[in-house]
C-alpha atoms as a PDB file:
ATOM      1  CA  MET A   1      -9.709  13.893 -42.585  1.00  0.00           C
ATOM      2  CA  THR A   2     -10.055  10.386 -41.162  1.00  0.00           C
ATOM      3  CA  ALA A   3      -7.355   8.406 -39.418  1.00  0.00           C
ATOM      4  CA  SER A   4      -7.897   4.897 -38.080  1.00  0.00           C
ATOM      5  CA  GLU A   5      -6.113   2.129 -36.301  1.00  0.00           C
ATOM      6  CA  GLU A   6      -7.344  -1.272 -35.167  1.00  0.00           C
ATOM      7  CA  THR A   7      -6.070  -3.602 -32.486  1.00  0.00           C
ATOM      8  CA  SER A   8      -7.541  -6.894 -31.394  1.00  0.00           C
ATOM      9  CA  VAL A   9      -9.439  -5.430 -28.433  1.00  0.00           C
ATOM     10  CA  VAL A  10      -9.770  -1.664 -29.064  1.00  0.00           C
ATOM     11  CA  ARG A  11     -10.347   0.356 -32.243  1.00  0.00           C
ATOM     12  CA  TYR A  12      -9.310   3.971 -32.669  1.00  0.00           C
ATOM     13  CA  ALA A  13     -10.618   6.250 -35.406  1.00  0.00           C
ATOM     14  CA  ARG A  14     -10.703  10.007 -35.982  1.00  0.00           C
ATOM     15  CA  GLN A  15     -13.297  11.857 -38.013  1.00  0.00           C
ATOM     16  CA  GLY A  16     -12.446  15.545 -38.095  1.00  0.00           C
ATOM     17  CA  PRO A  17     -12.241  16.816 -34.499  1.00  0.00           C
ATOM     18  CA  VAL A  18     -13.827  13.682 -32.982  1.00  0.00           C
ATOM     19  CA  ALA A  19     -11.872  10.569 -31.992  1.00  0.00           C
ATOM     20  CA  THR A  20     -13.884   7.407 -31.435  1.00  0.00           C
ATOM     21  CA  VAL A  21     -12.455   4.721 -29.160  1.00  0.00           C
ATOM     22  CA  THR A  22     -14.360   1.435 -29.488  1.00  0.00           C
ATOM     23  CA  LEU A  23     -14.251  -1.571 -27.178  1.00  0.00           C
ATOM     24  CA  ASN A  24     -13.852  -4.527 -29.512  1.00  0.00           C
ATOM     25  CA  ARG A  25     -14.592  -7.845 -27.801  1.00  0.00           C
ATOM     26  CA  PRO A  26     -18.220  -8.217 -28.946  1.00  0.00           C
ATOM     27  CA  ASP A  27     -18.186 -12.023 -28.673  1.00  0.00           C
ATOM     28  CA  HIS A  28     -17.649 -11.557 -24.930  1.00  0.00           C
ATOM     29  CA  ARG A  29     -19.974  -8.561 -24.510  1.00  0.00           C
ATOM     30  CA  ASN A  30     -16.870  -6.341 -24.409  1.00  0.00           C
ATOM     31  CA  ALA A  31     -15.726  -7.788 -21.103  1.00  0.00           C
ATOM     32  CA  GLN A  32     -12.623  -5.915 -19.981  1.00  0.00           C
ATOM     33  CA  ASN A  33      -9.438  -7.907 -19.669  1.00  0.00           C
ATOM     34  CA  SER A  34      -6.079  -6.279 -18.933  1.00  0.00           C
ATOM     35  CA  ALA A  35      -5.169  -6.202 -22.627  1.00  0.00           C
ATOM     36  CA  MET A  36      -8.266  -4.083 -23.289  1.00  0.00           C
ATOM     37  CA  THR A  37      -7.535  -1.817 -20.318  1.00  0.00           C
ATOM     38  CA  TYR A  38      -4.047  -0.975 -21.504  1.00  0.00           C
ATOM     39  CA  ALA A  39      -5.210  -0.624 -25.117  1.00  0.00           C
ATOM     40  CA  LEU A  40      -7.837   1.859 -23.893  1.00  0.00           C
ATOM     41  CA  ASP A  41      -5.145   3.771 -22.062  1.00  0.00           C
ATOM     42  CA  ARG A  42      -3.038   4.010 -25.227  1.00  0.00           C
ATOM     43  CA  ALA A  43      -6.063   5.151 -27.238  1.00  0.00           C
ATOM     44  CA  PHE A  44      -7.015   7.849 -24.721  1.00  0.00           C
ATOM     45  CA  TYR A  45      -3.415   9.038 -24.557  1.00  0.00           C
ATOM     46  CA  ARG A  46      -3.327   9.232 -28.353  1.00  0.00           C
ATOM     47  CA  ALA A  47      -6.497  11.317 -28.388  1.00  0.00           C
ATOM     48  CA  ALA A  48      -5.156  13.586 -25.658  1.00  0.00           C
ATOM     49  CA  GLU A  49      -1.941  14.424 -27.498  1.00  0.00           C
ATOM     50  CA  ASP A  50      -3.527  14.852 -30.965  1.00  0.00           C
ATOM     51  CA  ASP A  51      -4.169  18.573 -31.420  1.00  0.00           C
ATOM     52  CA  GLU A  52      -6.748  17.807 -34.113  1.00  0.00           C
ATOM     53  CA  VAL A  53      -8.961  15.979 -31.589  1.00  0.00           C
ATOM     54  CA  LYS A  54     -11.382  18.165 -29.627  1.00  0.00           C
ATOM     55  CA  VAL A  55     -13.795  15.500 -28.290  1.00  0.00           C
ATOM     56  CA  VAL A  56     -13.542  11.761 -27.635  1.00  0.00           C
ATOM     57  CA  VAL A  57     -16.372   9.225 -27.976  1.00  0.00           C
ATOM     58  CA  LEU A  58     -16.157   5.929 -26.074  1.00  0.00           C
ATOM     59  CA  ALA A  59     -18.276   3.213 -27.702  1.00  0.00           C
ATOM     60  CA  GLY A  60     -18.703  -0.556 -27.657  1.00  0.00           C
ATOM     61  CA  GLU A  61     -18.821  -2.852 -30.682  1.00  0.00           C
ATOM     62  CA  GLY A  62     -21.817  -5.167 -31.049  1.00  0.00           C
ATOM     63  CA  ARG A  63     -24.974  -5.509 -28.984  1.00  0.00           C
ATOM     64  CA  HIS A  64     -23.513  -4.348 -25.676  1.00  0.00           C
ATOM     65  CA  PHE A  65     -21.363  -1.495 -24.416  1.00  0.00           C
ATOM     66  CA  SER A  66     -19.623  -3.616 -21.767  1.00  0.00           C
ATOM     67  CA  ALA A  67     -20.634  -6.432 -19.443  1.00  0.00           C
ATOM     68  CA  GLY A  68     -17.861  -5.455 -17.025  1.00  0.00           C
ATOM     69  CA  HIS A  69     -14.617  -7.013 -15.890  1.00  0.00           C
ATOM     70  CA  ASP A  70     -13.570 -10.251 -17.547  1.00  0.00           C
ATOM     71  CA  ILE A  71     -14.113 -12.941 -14.908  1.00  0.00           C
ATOM     72  CA  GLY A  72     -14.056 -15.985 -17.162  1.00  0.00           C
ATOM     73  CA  SER A  73     -13.616 -15.562 -20.914  1.00  0.00           C
ATOM     74  CA  PRO A  74     -10.861 -17.420 -22.808  1.00  0.00           C
ATOM     75  CA  GLY A  75      -8.987 -14.112 -22.954  1.00  0.00           C
ATOM     76  CA  ARG A  76      -8.905 -13.527 -19.213  1.00  0.00           C
ATOM     77  CA  ASP A  77      -5.387 -12.377 -18.392  1.00  0.00           C
ATOM     78  CA  ALA A  78      -5.481 -11.233 -14.761  1.00  0.00           C
ATOM     79  CA  HIS A  79      -2.421 -13.363 -13.988  1.00  0.00           C
ATOM     80  CA  LEU A  80      -0.214 -11.664 -16.587  1.00  0.00           C
ATOM     81  CA  SER A  81       2.201  -8.791 -16.085  1.00  0.00           C
ATOM     82  CA  PHE A  82       1.818  -5.489 -17.969  1.00  0.00           C
ATOM     83  CA  ASP A  83       3.870  -2.301 -17.955  1.00  0.00           C
ATOM     84  CA  ARG A  84       2.160  -0.249 -15.278  1.00  0.00           C
ATOM     85  CA  LYS A  85       0.909   3.215 -16.256  1.00  0.00           C
ATOM     86  CA  ALA A  86      -1.488   4.501 -13.595  1.00  0.00           C
ATOM     87  CA  GLY A  87       0.508   4.165 -10.391  1.00  0.00           C
ATOM     88  CA  LEU A  88       3.627   2.942  -8.640  1.00  0.00           C
ATOM     89  CA  TRP A  89       2.353  -0.274  -7.085  1.00  0.00           C
ATOM     90  CA  TRP A  90       4.541  -3.274  -7.791  1.00  0.00           C
ATOM     91  CA  ASP A  91       3.882  -6.033 -10.301  1.00  0.00           C
ATOM     92  CA  HIS A  92       1.071  -8.244  -9.073  1.00  0.00           C
ATOM     93  CA  SER A  93       1.807 -11.307 -11.179  1.00  0.00           C
ATOM     94  CA  ASP A  94       4.466 -12.831  -8.890  1.00  0.00           C
ATOM     95  CA  LYS A  95       2.614 -12.029  -5.642  1.00  0.00           C
ATOM     96  CA  THR A  96      -0.217 -13.801  -3.840  1.00  0.00           C
ATOM     97  CA  GLY A  97      -3.286 -12.919  -1.797  1.00  0.00           C
ATOM     98  CA  ALA A  98      -4.211  -9.337  -1.010  1.00  0.00           C
ATOM     99  CA  GLU A  99      -0.715  -8.143  -1.962  1.00  0.00           C
ATOM    100  CA  SER A 100      -1.349  -9.233  -5.541  1.00  0.00           C
ATOM    101  CA  ARG A 101      -5.022  -8.285  -5.777  1.00  0.00           C
ATOM    102  CA  PHE A 102      -4.668  -4.823  -4.249  1.00  0.00           C
ATOM    103  CA  ALA A 103      -1.696  -3.970  -6.461  1.00  0.00           C
ATOM    104  CA  ARG A 104      -3.436  -5.081  -9.660  1.00  0.00           C
ATOM    105  CA  GLU A 105      -6.775  -3.408  -8.960  1.00  0.00           C
ATOM    106  CA  SER A 106      -5.094  -0.198  -7.813  1.00  0.00           C
ATOM    107  CA  GLU A 107      -3.583  -0.066 -11.284  1.00  0.00           C
ATOM    108  CA  VAL A 108      -6.082  -1.404 -13.804  1.00  0.00           C
ATOM    109  CA  TYR A 109      -9.353  -0.431 -12.132  1.00  0.00           C
ATOM    110  CA  LEU A 110      -9.214   2.530  -9.738  1.00  0.00           C
ATOM    111  CA  GLY A 111      -5.957   3.969 -11.088  1.00  0.00           C
ATOM    112  CA  MET A 112      -6.867   3.762 -14.765  1.00  0.00           C
ATOM    113  CA  CYS A 113     -10.328   5.215 -14.212  1.00  0.00           C
ATOM    114  CA  ARG A 114      -8.906   8.186 -12.338  1.00  0.00           C
ATOM    115  CA  ARG A 115      -6.330   8.699 -15.082  1.00  0.00           C
ATOM    116  CA  TRP A 116      -9.004   8.666 -17.793  1.00  0.00           C
ATOM    117  CA  ARG A 117     -11.370  10.962 -15.879  1.00  0.00           C
ATOM    118  CA  GLU A 118      -8.673  13.646 -16.039  1.00  0.00           C
ATOM    119  CA  LEU A 119      -8.234  13.473 -19.832  1.00  0.00           C
ATOM    120  CA  PRO A 120      -8.349  17.216 -20.659  1.00  0.00           C
ATOM    121  CA  LYS A 121     -10.863  16.849 -23.477  1.00  0.00           C
ATOM    122  CA  PRO A 122     -14.593  16.055 -23.234  1.00  0.00           C
ATOM    123  CA  VAL A 123     -15.360  12.344 -23.399  1.00  0.00           C
ATOM    124  CA  ILE A 124     -18.828  11.061 -24.326  1.00  0.00           C
ATOM    125  CA  ALA A 125     -19.942   7.495 -23.602  1.00  0.00           C
ATOM    126  CA  SER A 126     -22.146   6.005 -26.330  1.00  0.00           C
ATOM    127  CA  VAL A 127     -23.956   3.182 -24.563  1.00  0.00           C
ATOM    128  CA  GLN A 128     -26.136   0.373 -25.898  1.00  0.00           C
ATOM    129  CA  GLY A 129     -27.268  -2.876 -24.321  1.00  0.00           C
ATOM    130  CA  ALA A 130     -25.470  -3.914 -21.158  1.00  0.00           C
ATOM    131  CA  CYS A 131     -23.475  -1.420 -19.127  1.00  0.00           C
ATOM    132  CA  VAL A 132     -22.724  -3.560 -16.107  1.00  0.00           C
ATOM    133  CA  ALA A 133     -20.259  -3.300 -13.200  1.00  0.00           C
ATOM    134  CA  GLY A 134     -16.898  -2.521 -14.843  1.00  0.00           C
ATOM    135  CA  GLY A 135     -18.859  -1.131 -17.780  1.00  0.00           C
ATOM    136  CA  LEU A 136     -20.386   1.412 -15.394  1.00  0.00           C
ATOM    137  CA  MET A 137     -16.900   2.489 -14.382  1.00  0.00           C
ATOM    138  CA  LEU A 138     -16.033   3.244 -17.994  1.00  0.00           C
ATOM    139  CA  ALA A 139     -19.260   5.183 -18.563  1.00  0.00           C
ATOM    140  CA  TRP A 140     -18.919   7.115 -15.317  1.00  0.00           C
ATOM    141  CA  ILE A 141     -15.443   8.469 -16.094  1.00  0.00           C
ATOM    142  CA  CYS A 142     -16.954  10.072 -19.196  1.00  0.00           C
ATOM    143  CA  ASP A 143     -18.264  13.633 -19.056  1.00  0.00           C
ATOM    144  CA  LEU A 144     -21.530  12.841 -20.833  1.00  0.00           C
ATOM    145  CA  ILE A 145     -23.524   9.663 -21.506  1.00  0.00           C
ATOM    146  CA  VAL A 146     -25.741   9.168 -24.557  1.00  0.00           C
ATOM    147  CA  ALA A 147     -27.721   5.955 -24.150  1.00  0.00           C
ATOM    148  CA  ALA A 148     -29.671   3.919 -26.643  1.00  0.00           C
ATOM    149  CA  ASP A 149     -33.220   3.092 -25.643  1.00  0.00           C
ATOM    150  CA  ASP A 150     -32.171  -0.563 -25.199  1.00  0.00           C
ATOM    151  CA  ALA A 151     -29.371   0.285 -22.746  1.00  0.00           C
ATOM    152  CA  PHE A 152     -29.465  -0.847 -19.145  1.00  0.00           C
ATOM    153  CA  PHE A 153     -27.182  -0.251 -16.169  1.00  0.00           C
ATOM    154  CA  ALA A 154     -26.424  -2.550 -13.235  1.00  0.00           C
ATOM    155  CA  ASP A 155     -23.872  -3.238 -10.516  1.00  0.00           C
ATOM    156  CA  PRO A 156     -24.711  -6.724  -9.246  1.00  0.00           C
ATOM    157  CA  VAL A 157     -21.485  -7.460  -7.354  1.00  0.00           C
ATOM    158  CA  VAL A 158     -23.165  -7.318  -3.948  1.00  0.00           C
ATOM    159  CA  ARG A 159     -24.123 -10.891  -4.908  1.00  0.00           C
ATOM    160  CA  MET A 160     -20.405 -11.609  -4.501  1.00  0.00           C
ATOM    161  CA  GLY A 161     -20.434 -10.007  -1.056  1.00  0.00           C
ATOM    162  CA  ILE A 162     -18.610  -6.974  -2.488  1.00  0.00           C
ATOM    163  CA  PRO A 163     -19.868  -3.380  -1.955  1.00  0.00           C
ATOM    164  CA  GLY A 164     -19.884  -2.265  -5.577  1.00  0.00           C
ATOM    165  CA  VAL A 165     -17.218  -1.916  -8.240  1.00  0.00           C
ATOM    166  CA  GLU A 166     -13.763  -0.480  -7.592  1.00  0.00           C
ATOM    167  CA  TYR A 167     -14.521   3.005  -8.947  1.00  0.00           C
ATOM    168  CA  PHE A 168     -17.312   3.649  -6.433  1.00  0.00           C
ATOM    169  CA  ALA A 169     -18.949   6.784  -7.844  1.00  0.00           C
ATOM    170  CA  HIS A 170     -22.485   5.586  -7.088  1.00  0.00           C
ATOM    171  CA  PRO A 171     -23.446   8.267  -4.487  1.00  0.00           C
ATOM    172  CA  TRP A 172     -22.214  11.020  -6.826  1.00  0.00           C
ATOM    173  CA  VAL A 173     -23.977   9.898 -10.000  1.00  0.00           C
ATOM    174  CA  LEU A 174     -27.178   8.833  -8.200  1.00  0.00           C
ATOM    175  CA  PRO A 175     -29.100  10.078  -5.163  1.00  0.00           C
ATOM    176  CA  PRO A 176     -27.957   8.063  -2.102  1.00  0.00           C
ATOM    177  CA  ARG A 177     -31.208   6.132  -1.594  1.00  0.00           C
ATOM    178  CA  ILE A 178     -31.339   5.235  -5.271  1.00  0.00           C
ATOM    179  CA  ALA A 179     -27.690   4.173  -5.116  1.00  0.00           C
ATOM    180  CA  LYS A 180     -28.499   1.886  -2.195  1.00  0.00           C
ATOM    181  CA  GLU A 181     -31.453   0.310  -3.996  1.00  0.00           C
ATOM    182  CA  PHE A 182     -29.346  -0.084  -7.141  1.00  0.00           C
ATOM    183  CA  LEU A 183     -26.687  -1.967  -5.154  1.00  0.00           C
ATOM    184  CA  TYR A 184     -28.924  -3.848  -2.698  1.00  0.00           C
ATOM    185  CA  THR A 185     -31.031  -5.412  -5.461  1.00  0.00           C
ATOM    186  CA  GLY A 186     -28.527  -5.641  -8.319  1.00  0.00           C
ATOM    187  CA  ASP A 187     -31.480  -4.928 -10.617  1.00  0.00           C
ATOM    188  CA  ARG A 188     -31.077  -3.474 -14.082  1.00  0.00           C
ATOM    189  CA  MET A 189     -31.825   0.227 -14.446  1.00  0.00           C
ATOM    190  CA  PRO A 190     -33.321   1.028 -17.876  1.00  0.00           C
ATOM    191  CA  ALA A 191     -31.922   3.941 -19.854  1.00  0.00           C
ATOM    192  CA  GLN A 192     -35.060   6.044 -19.371  1.00  0.00           C
ATOM    193  CA  ARG A 193     -34.880   5.694 -15.582  1.00  0.00           C
ATOM    194  CA  ALA A 194     -31.171   6.587 -15.667  1.00  0.00           C
ATOM    195  CA  TYR A 195     -32.082   9.696 -17.675  1.00  0.00           C
ATOM    196  CA  GLU A 196     -34.789  10.698 -15.182  1.00  0.00           C
ATOM    197  CA  LEU A 197     -32.240  10.449 -12.354  1.00  0.00           C
ATOM    198  CA  GLY A 198     -29.650  12.533 -14.192  1.00  0.00           C
ATOM    199  CA  MET A 199     -27.111   9.744 -14.727  1.00  0.00           C
ATOM    200  CA  VAL A 200     -27.627   9.847 -18.501  1.00  0.00           C
ATOM    201  CA  ASN A 201     -27.732  13.002 -20.637  1.00  0.00           C
ATOM    202  CA  ARG A 202     -29.813  11.730 -23.550  1.00  0.00           C
ATOM    203  CA  VAL A 203     -31.746   8.616 -24.588  1.00  0.00           C
ATOM    204  CA  VAL A 204     -32.040   7.988 -28.321  1.00  0.00           C
ATOM    205  CA  PRO A 205     -33.341   5.190 -30.555  1.00  0.00           C
ATOM    206  CA  ARG A 206     -30.803   2.380 -30.873  1.00  0.00           C
ATOM    207  CA  ALA A 207     -30.554   2.842 -34.646  1.00  0.00           C
ATOM    208  CA  GLU A 208     -29.609   6.508 -34.150  1.00  0.00           C
ATOM    209  CA  LEU A 209     -27.096   6.098 -31.298  1.00  0.00           C
ATOM    210  CA  THR A 210     -23.923   6.585 -33.326  1.00  0.00           C
ATOM    211  CA  GLU A 211     -25.350   9.490 -35.321  1.00  0.00           C
ATOM    212  CA  LYS A 212     -26.752  11.337 -32.316  1.00  0.00           C
ATOM    213  CA  THR A 213     -23.583  10.862 -30.284  1.00  0.00           C
ATOM    214  CA  LEU A 214     -21.465  12.197 -33.131  1.00  0.00           C
ATOM    215  CA  GLU A 215     -23.781  15.202 -33.548  1.00  0.00           C
ATOM    216  CA  LEU A 216     -23.329  16.089 -29.884  1.00  0.00           C
ATOM    217  CA  ALA A 217     -19.570  15.575 -30.096  1.00  0.00           C
ATOM    218  CA  GLU A 218     -19.275  17.820 -33.141  1.00  0.00           C
ATOM    219  CA  ARG A 219     -21.346  20.529 -31.478  1.00  0.00           C
ATOM    220  CA  ILE A 220     -19.080  20.498 -28.425  1.00  0.00           C
ATOM    221  CA  ALA A 221     -16.003  20.477 -30.680  1.00  0.00           C
ATOM    222  CA  GLU A 222     -16.965  23.975 -31.872  1.00  0.00           C
ATOM    223  CA  MET A 223     -15.905  25.338 -28.466  1.00  0.00           C
ATOM    224  CA  PRO A 224     -12.306  26.456 -27.753  1.00  0.00           C
ATOM    225  CA  ARG A 225     -10.057  23.598 -26.629  1.00  0.00           C
ATOM    226  CA  MET A 226      -8.717  25.465 -23.587  1.00  0.00           C
ATOM    227  CA  GLY A 227     -12.194  26.525 -22.519  1.00  0.00           C
ATOM    228  CA  LEU A 228     -13.385  22.927 -22.633  1.00  0.00           C
ATOM    229  CA  ALA A 229     -10.343  21.688 -20.699  1.00  0.00           C
ATOM    230  CA  LEU A 230     -10.730  24.277 -17.937  1.00  0.00           C
ATOM    231  CA  THR A 231     -14.474  23.720 -17.676  1.00  0.00           C
ATOM    232  CA  LYS A 232     -13.966  19.976 -17.331  1.00  0.00           C
ATOM    233  CA  ARG A 233     -11.369  20.551 -14.637  1.00  0.00           C
ATOM    234  CA  ALA A 234     -13.650  22.978 -12.796  1.00  0.00           C
ATOM    235  CA  VAL A 235     -16.526  20.496 -12.591  1.00  0.00           C
ATOM    236  CA  ASN A 236     -14.205  17.599 -11.671  1.00  0.00           C
ATOM    237  CA  GLN A 237     -12.693  19.692  -8.885  1.00  0.00           C
ATOM    238  CA  ALA A 238     -16.172  20.490  -7.589  1.00  0.00           C
ATOM    239  CA  GLU A 239     -16.969  16.758  -7.461  1.00  0.00           C
ATOM    240  CA  ASP A 240     -13.726  16.111  -5.598  1.00  0.00           C
ATOM    241  CA  LEU A 241     -14.558  18.871  -3.098  1.00  0.00           C
ATOM    242  CA  GLN A 242     -17.851  17.037  -2.559  1.00  0.00           C
ATOM    243  CA  GLY A 243     -15.815  14.012  -1.497  1.00  0.00           C
ATOM    244  CA  LEU A 244     -15.495  11.938  -4.652  1.00  0.00           C
ATOM    245  CA  HIS A 245     -11.715  11.463  -4.532  1.00  0.00           C
ATOM    246  CA  THR A 246     -11.519  10.496  -0.860  1.00  0.00           C
ATOM    247  CA  GLY A 247     -14.734   8.490  -1.135  1.00  0.00           C
ATOM    248  CA  LEU A 248     -13.231   6.370  -3.888  1.00  0.00           C
ATOM    249  CA  ASP A 249     -10.198   5.647  -1.707  1.00  0.00           C
ATOM    250  CA  SER A 250     -12.354   4.756   1.277  1.00  0.00           C
ATOM    251  CA  VAL A 251     -14.635   2.336  -0.543  1.00  0.00           C
ATOM    252  CA  PHE A 252     -11.721   0.791  -2.438  1.00  0.00           C
ATOM    253  CA  GLY A 253     -10.478  -0.376   0.968  1.00  0.00           C
ATOM    254  CA  LEU A 254     -13.893  -1.873   1.785  1.00  0.00           C
ATOM    255  CA  HIS A 255     -13.902  -3.545  -1.625  1.00  0.00           C
ATOM    256  CA  HIS A 256     -10.662  -5.318  -0.787  1.00  0.00           C
ATOM    257  CA  LEU A 257     -11.830  -6.226   2.701  1.00  0.00           C
ATOM    258  CA  ALA A 258     -14.699  -8.037   0.949  1.00  0.00           C
ATOM    259  CA  HIS A 259     -12.276  -9.830  -1.391  1.00  0.00           C
ATOM    260  CA  ALA A 260     -10.168 -10.940   1.581  1.00  0.00           C
ATOM    261  CA  HIS A 261     -13.240 -12.105   3.503  1.00  0.00           C
ATOM    262  CA  ASN A 262     -14.393 -14.140   0.497  1.00  0.00           C
ATOM    263  CA  ALA A 263     -10.949 -15.675   0.105  1.00  0.00           C
ATOM    264  CA  GLU A 264     -11.063 -16.865   3.728  1.00  0.00           C
ATOM    265  CA  THR A 265     -14.679 -18.035   3.861  1.00  0.00           C
ATOM    266  CA  ALA A 266     -15.687 -18.977   0.309  1.00  0.00           C
ATOM    267  CA  ARG A 267     -14.272 -20.749  -2.723  1.00  0.00           C
ATOM    268  CA  ASP A 268     -12.429 -17.692  -4.014  1.00  0.00           C
ATOM    269  CA  SER A 269     -12.203 -13.894  -3.758  1.00  0.00           C
ATOM    270  CA  LEU A 270     -15.437 -13.529  -5.753  1.00  0.00           C
ATOM    271  CA  GLY A 271     -17.438 -15.537  -3.260  1.00  0.00           C
ATOM    272  CA  GLY A 272     -17.695 -18.495  -5.624  1.00  0.00           C
ATOM    273  CA  MET A 273     -19.676 -16.471  -8.168  1.00  0.00           C
ATOM    274  CA  ASP A 274     -18.644 -17.172 -11.763  1.00  0.00           C
ATOM    275  CA  ILE A 275     -20.179 -15.989 -15.037  1.00  0.00           C
ATOM    276  CA  LYS A 276     -22.735 -18.802 -15.090  1.00  0.00           C
ATOM    277  CA  LYS A 277     -23.928 -18.120 -11.539  1.00  0.00           C
ATOM    278  CA  MET A 278     -24.121 -14.387 -12.120  1.00  0.00           C
ATOM    279  CA  LYS A 279     -26.226 -14.934 -15.246  1.00  0.00           C
ATOM    280  CA  GLU A 280     -28.498 -17.335 -13.363  1.00  0.00           C
ATOM    281  CA  ALA A 281     -28.940 -14.642 -10.722  1.00  0.00           C
ATOM    282  CA  GLY A 282     -30.084 -12.206 -13.386  1.00  0.00           C
ATOM    283  CA  SER A 283     -26.941 -10.186 -14.169  1.00  0.00           C
END
């Protein structure tokens, strides 16, 4: 049985016990605006409540998985109001300064990622091309990552004077010294290196990415639903006992200190770095 639904920014399809959620802004390297974030939330919620779905695959349409947060496409909508789902912070759209920025990012970045990490079904990221900054956040909330051999990972926001993306899982998915190098340089990490460090489960030829991801999903879907849910919760709890939950809160505060510092000393909260400048710097 196959069920499908398409929106402008996210596609949802089910094939047997596997639901595939696809980021669908390929002309903008699947940059994440708020419309995409909330569409993702609806898709994950749909997969969670569908008893026919055992495993979820998160994929990206086109050449790239995701180039991160939308900081300049024609569809950028950071100023708009949306019905909040991940927390109780107030609407950001009629506020200014840190009051606005902290409220919005608590919802659409840190809050949404935490919400999705707790989805009680295994989620597999299927990654090709760029997985950068906000794209890393989406991959990291997934239980497993299957990467194409052309995939690369990067968090270059230290160039903005900011200590990494809002969902700061770096020291849990990478050894601390590697995490520091990854952030200090902003360099791209190839899929094979990510595999060697344990951040990625499998590396496959680009032409076989969809097939191999689906094979893994279907194999996992043979397990009992409750067993999978409890196992996921057990491992997530172990990560939280190792400091992940409190670490995310702590660094989220540093992230917003950096935004505030930029707003006082530079052109804007991103330290004057726009898409063009980030590309020129190698992102």
